[in-house]
C-alpha cells in the first residue's frame, strides 16, 4: 500500500475535514483518507495513488496543497 502525506492550506474546522475526506475518498485507488487539522496534514493511502488526481480533489474541495509532508 502506498501513502502520500500532503500539507493542505485553508483548513480550519470539522467541515473542512469532512469536505476533503469526501472529495479525496472518491479518487480511484484511494482506500483511506485521514486529516490532521492541527498539523494541516492529509494522509492518503491506497494500492495505486495518482498524485495529480488527489491534488485536484483537494482543490475541488476548496483547499490548496502547499507541498508534501516529510516523515
Protein backbone atom coordinates (compact mmCIF):
# COMPACT_ATOMS: atom_id res chain seq x y z
CA UNK A 1 0.00 0.00 0.00
CA UNK A 2 1.24 3.47 -0.91
CA UNK A 3 0.98 6.50 1.37
CA UNK A 4 1.26 10.18 0.45
CA UNK A 5 1.07 12.99 3.02
CA UNK A 6 0.10 16.48 1.89
CA UNK A 7 0.35 19.84 3.63
CA UNK A 8 -3.02 21.47 2.93
CA UNK A 9 -3.80 25.18 3.26
CA UNK A 10 -7.08 26.77 4.28
CA UNK A 11 -8.37 24.10 6.69
CA UNK A 12 -9.83 25.45 9.93
CA UNK A 13 -12.73 23.28 11.13
CA UNK A 14 -14.54 19.95 11.08
CA UNK A 15 -16.39 20.93 7.90
CA UNK A 16 -13.01 21.30 6.17
CA UNK A 17 -12.03 17.81 7.30
CA UNK A 18 -15.32 16.35 6.05
CA UNK A 19 -15.10 18.11 2.67
CA UNK A 20 -11.56 16.95 1.98
CA UNK A 21 -12.27 13.42 3.17
CA UNK A 22 -15.33 13.17 0.93
CA UNK A 23 -13.64 14.50 -2.22
CA UNK A 24 -10.38 12.56 -1.86
CA UNK A 25 -12.21 9.31 -0.98
CA UNK A 26 -13.85 9.42 -4.42
CA UNK A 27 -10.48 9.30 -6.24
CA UNK A 28 -9.82 5.94 -7.86
CA UNK A 29 -7.24 3.89 -5.95
CA UNK A 30 -7.74 5.69 -2.62
CA UNK A 31 -8.66 3.34 0.21
CA UNK A 32 -8.13 5.61 3.23
CA UNK A 33 -8.01 9.34 3.94
CA UNK A 34 -7.05 10.83 7.26
CA UNK A 35 -6.97 14.55 8.02
CA UNK A 36 -4.99 16.04 10.91
CA UNK A 37 -6.37 19.55 11.33
CA UNK A 38 -3.76 20.88 13.84
CA UNK A 39 -0.83 19.97 11.55
CA UNK A 40 -2.71 20.71 8.28
CA UNK A 41 -1.77 17.25 7.01
CA UNK A 42 -3.85 14.98 4.83
CA UNK A 43 -2.64 11.39 4.61
CA UNK A 44 -3.88 9.32 1.67
CA UNK A 45 -3.38 5.56 1.41
CA UNK A 46 -4.18 3.17 -1.40
CA UNK A 47 -2.89 0.48 -3.69
CA UNK A 48 -2.39 2.89 -6.58
CA UNK A 49 -2.42 6.63 -5.96
CA UNK A 50 -2.48 9.31 -8.64
CA UNK A 51 -0.90 12.42 -7.11
CA UNK A 52 -2.46 14.77 -9.68
CA UNK A 53 -5.96 13.41 -9.06
CA UNK A 54 -5.57 13.62 -5.29
CA UNK A 55 -4.37 17.22 -5.58
CA UNK A 56 -7.28 18.00 -7.90
CA UNK A 57 -9.75 16.52 -5.38
CA UNK A 58 -8.29 18.68 -2.60
CA UNK A 59 -8.64 21.72 -4.87
CA UNK A 60 -12.21 20.70 -5.73
CA UNK A 61 -12.99 20.71 -2.01
CA UNK A 62 -11.74 24.32 -1.93
CA UNK A 63 -8.28 23.94 -0.40
CA UNK A 64 -4.69 24.25 -1.57
CA UNK A 65 -1.73 21.90 -1.42
CA UNK A 66 1.38 23.64 -0.11
CA UNK A 67 3.54 20.56 -0.62
CA UNK A 68 4.28 17.09 0.62
CA UNK A 69 4.83 16.34 4.28
CA UNK A 70 8.06 14.67 5.25
CA UNK A 71 8.47 11.97 7.88
